[in-house]
Amino acid sequence: MAKEKPASKKVASKRPADTERDTLAKELKSLILKLDVEGLSFLVEQAKVHLYNMQVDEINQAEIAKASSTGSASGAGSKAAHAPAKTKASGDLFRIEGAGSGSSYYLVYKGSEWIMFSREEMGHMAALVHAGGTDLETRERLFNWLSRERGDVLSAIFVKDKFDDKLKALTALIKKNFKPGKS
């Protein structure tokens, strides 16, 4: 009988977040057994995207805290000097925001999905979209580069190929707001 009381105390001491996480993990494990390779591949990719987005959220929070502690005047000045404060595409599907430090940019998809790009990555994308050619050739260059270097972006914004209208909007946004070598 004495052994049963500590066991029940141990179960009762679990936090609700732990039990919810445990329940979800158990459900996911049972579903994994039923998935084919394609399904597993999709889950792995989505998990990587989610982990990346969690890291971006942490960086965003650190940037916000840093900007708050240094004062709004200095944060606004460096943002204006290094990046467009906010850029918009038709239908507000995308916008690009520069970090206060000017070292990175955030592609904001539908107002809620934040994807971070380094200054170098944004410069490379600007060079790709300004390289000339038809609209389709431009989208193809950007799509191929994102596929090779930043597949997480294509997954996050649900772009499957170079013909996607979202890729067209993203290409136009980058072309309008960034010049090669001026990111």
Protein backbone atom coordinates (compact mmCIF):
# COMPACT_ATOMS: atom_id res chain seq x y z
CA MET A 1 0.00 0.00 0.00
CA ALA A 2 2.82 2.42 0.81
CA LYS A 3 4.20 1.88 -2.68
CA GLU A 4 0.91 2.88 -4.34
CA LYS A 5 0.80 6.35 -2.74
CA PRO A 6 4.13 7.57 -4.17
CA ALA A 7 3.11 6.29 -7.60
CA SER A 8 -0.16 8.22 -7.52
CA LYS A 9 1.69 11.32 -6.31
CA LYS A 10 4.07 11.00 -9.24
CA VAL A 11 1.20 10.91 -11.75
CA ALA A 12 -0.60 13.77 -10.03
CA SER A 13 2.52 15.95 -10.13
CA LYS A 14 2.68 15.96 -13.94
CA ARG A 15 1.95 19.36 -15.43
CA PRO A 16 -0.89 19.69 -17.97
CA ALA A 17 1.57 20.70 -20.71
CA ASP A 18 3.57 17.52 -20.12
CA THR A 19 0.51 15.30 -20.33
CA GLU A 20 -0.71 17.05 -23.49
CA ARG A 21 2.74 16.66 -25.06
CA ASP A 22 2.90 13.01 -24.00
CA THR A 23 -0.57 12.36 -25.43
CA LEU A 24 0.32 13.98 -28.74
CA ALA A 25 3.65 12.13 -28.92
CA LYS A 26 1.88 8.84 -28.28
CA GLU A 27 -0.70 9.58 -30.98
CA LEU A 28 2.03 10.55 -33.45
CA LYS A 29 3.96 7.35 -32.72
CA SER A 30 0.87 5.26 -33.44
CA LEU A 31 0.23 7.14 -36.70
CA ILE A 32 3.85 6.81 -37.85
CA LEU A 33 3.47 3.04 -37.97
CA LYS A 34 0.68 3.45 -40.54
CA LEU A 35 2.43 5.93 -42.86
CA ASP A 36 4.25 5.14 -46.08
CA VAL A 37 7.66 6.61 -46.98
CA GLU A 38 6.10 9.64 -48.67
CA GLY A 39 4.07 10.44 -45.56
CA LEU A 40 7.09 10.05 -43.30
CA SER A 41 9.15 12.27 -45.59
CA PHE A 42 6.46 14.94 -45.45
CA LEU A 43 6.32 14.80 -41.64
CA VAL A 44 10.10 15.09 -41.36
CA GLU A 45 10.13 18.13 -43.67
CA GLN A 46 7.29 19.76 -41.73
CA ALA A 47 9.07 19.10 -38.44
CA LYS A 48 12.23 20.74 -39.79
CA VAL A 49 10.23 23.75 -40.97
CA HIS A 50 8.52 24.01 -37.59
CA LEU A 51 11.83 23.80 -35.71
CA TYR A 52 13.29 26.47 -37.98
CA ASN A 53 10.27 28.71 -37.37
CA MET A 54 10.66 28.21 -33.62
CA GLN A 55 14.27 29.41 -33.93
CA VAL A 56 13.14 32.42 -35.95
CA ASP A 57 10.56 33.24 -33.27
CA GLU A 58 13.30 33.15 -30.63
CA ILE A 59 15.48 35.45 -32.75
CA ASN A 60 12.53 37.78 -33.33
CA GLN A 61 11.85 37.97 -29.61
CA ALA A 62 15.52 38.74 -28.97
CA GLU A 63 15.45 41.47 -31.66
CA ILE A 64 12.30 42.97 -30.14
CA ALA A 65 13.83 42.90 -26.67
CA LYS A 66 17.04 44.44 -28.00
CA ALA A 67 15.13 47.16 -29.87
CA SER A 68 13.07 47.91 -26.77
CA SER A 69 16.14 48.20 -24.57
CA THR A 70 18.08 50.44 -27.00
CA GLY A 71 15.16 52.80 -27.53
CA SER A 72 12.88 53.32 -30.48
CA ALA A 73 14.87 56.16 -32.07
CA SER A 74 18.05 54.16 -32.65
CA GLY A 75 16.12 51.07 -33.75
CA ALA A 76 14.11 53.02 -36.29
CA GLY A 77 17.20 54.75 -37.65
CA SER A 78 19.11 51.59 -38.31
CA LYS A 79 16.07 49.93 -39.83
CA ALA A 80 15.54 52.79 -42.25
CA ALA A 81 19.21 52.84 -43.20
CA HIS A 82 19.47 49.13 -43.93
CA ALA A 83 16.11 47.88 -45.16
CA PRO A 84 12.64 48.79 -46.24
CA ALA A 85 10.56 49.11 -43.07
CA LYS A 86 7.73 47.14 -44.62
CA THR A 87 7.11 46.11 -48.18
CA LYS A 88 3.86 44.68 -49.45
CA ALA A 89 2.78 42.54 -52.36
CA SER A 90 -0.62 42.55 -53.97
CA GLY A 91 -3.26 41.11 -51.70
CA ASP A 92 -0.92 41.34 -48.69
CA LEU A 93 0.21 37.77 -49.31
CA PHE A 94 3.83 38.67 -48.57
CA ARG A 95 5.78 41.46 -47.01
CA ILE A 96 9.46 41.79 -46.23
CA GLU A 97 10.72 43.44 -43.06
CA GLY A 98 14.29 44.29 -42.27
CA ALA A 99 15.75 43.46 -38.89
CA GLY A 100 16.74 46.47 -36.82
CA SER A 101 20.41 45.55 -37.16
CA GLY A 102 20.20 45.35 -40.96
CA SER A 103 21.82 41.92 -40.89
CA SER A 104 18.72 39.98 -41.87
CA TYR A 105 15.28 40.20 -43.41
CA TYR A 106 12.00 38.51 -42.63
CA LEU A 107 9.65 37.30 -45.32
CA VAL A 108 6.20 37.42 -43.75
CA TYR A 109 3.69 35.12 -45.41
CA LYS A 110 -0.02 35.83 -44.81
CA GLY A 111 0.90 37.93 -41.80
CA SER A 112 1.78 34.97 -39.60
CA GLU A 113 4.58 32.87 -41.12
CA TRP A 114 7.96 34.59 -40.55
CA ILE A 115 10.91 33.28 -42.54
CA MET A 116 14.35 34.75 -41.91
CA PHE A 117 16.89 35.45 -44.66
CA SER A 118 20.42 36.68 -44.18
CA ARG A 119 21.50 39.86 -45.90
CA GLU A 120 23.57 37.72 -48.30
CA GLU A 121 20.61 35.48 -49.16
CA MET A 122 18.40 38.48 -49.90
CA GLY A 123 21.16 39.96 -52.07
CA HIS A 124 21.45 36.70 -53.98
CA MET A 125 17.69 36.55 -54.56
CA ALA A 126 17.71 40.18 -55.73
CA ALA A 127 20.46 39.34 -58.22
CA LEU A 128 18.45 36.36 -59.49
CA VAL A 129 15.26 38.32 -60.09
CA HIS A 130 17.11 41.20 -61.78
CA ALA A 131 19.16 38.96 -64.09
CA GLY A 132 16.83 39.51 -67.04
CA GLY A 133 14.78 37.13 -69.11
CA THR A 134 11.09 36.43 -69.14
CA ASP A 135 8.91 36.40 -66.06
CA LEU A 136 8.87 32.60 -66.15
CA GLU A 137 12.67 32.40 -66.46
CA THR A 138 13.01 34.72 -63.47
CA ARG A 139 10.63 32.62 -61.39
CA GLU A 140 12.46 29.47 -62.47
CA ARG A 141 15.82 30.88 -61.30
CA LEU A 142 14.34 31.86 -57.93
CA PHE A 143 12.50 28.55 -57.56
CA ASN A 144 15.65 26.54 -58.37
CA TRP A 145 17.75 28.53 -55.91
CA LEU A 146 15.15 28.22 -53.13
CA SER A 147 14.82 24.48 -53.84
CA ARG A 148 18.56 24.02 -53.56
CA GLU A 149 19.38 26.42 -50.72
CA ARG A 150 16.17 27.04 -48.76
CA GLY A 151 13.67 24.24 -49.34
CA ASP A 152 12.07 25.17 -46.02
CA VAL A 153 10.79 28.38 -47.60
CA LEU A 154 8.98 26.59 -50.42
CA SER A 155 7.39 24.24 -47.88
CA ALA A 156 6.36 27.09 -45.58
CA ILE A 157 4.66 29.08 -48.34
CA PHE A 158 3.31 25.97 -50.09
CA VAL A 159 4.98 26.52 -53.48
CA LYS A 160 5.26 23.35 -55.55
CA ASP A 161 6.70 24.65 -58.83
CA LYS A 162 7.80 27.69 -60.85
CA PHE A 163 4.25 28.24 -62.14
CA ASP A 164 2.80 29.01 -58.69
CA ASP A 165 1.24 32.49 -58.40
CA LYS A 166 2.75 32.89 -54.93
CA LEU A 167 6.21 32.58 -56.45
CA LYS A 168 5.21 35.20 -59.01
CA ALA A 169 4.13 37.57 -56.21
CA LEU A 170 7.34 36.92 -54.27
CA THR A 171 9.48 37.53 -57.35
CA ALA A 172 7.68 40.83 -58.03
CA LEU A 173 8.07 41.92 -54.40
CA ILE A 174 11.81 41.26 -54.36
CA LYS A 175 12.28 42.88 -57.76
CA LYS A 176 10.39 46.02 -56.71
CA ASN A 177 12.10 46.51 -53.36
CA PHE A 178 15.66 45.23 -53.76
CA LYS A 179 18.38 45.98 -56.25
CA PRO A 180 21.30 43.61 -56.86
CA GLY A 181 24.11 44.39 -54.43
CA LYS A 182 21.90 46.83 -52.48
CA SER A 183 20.19 44.53 -49.98
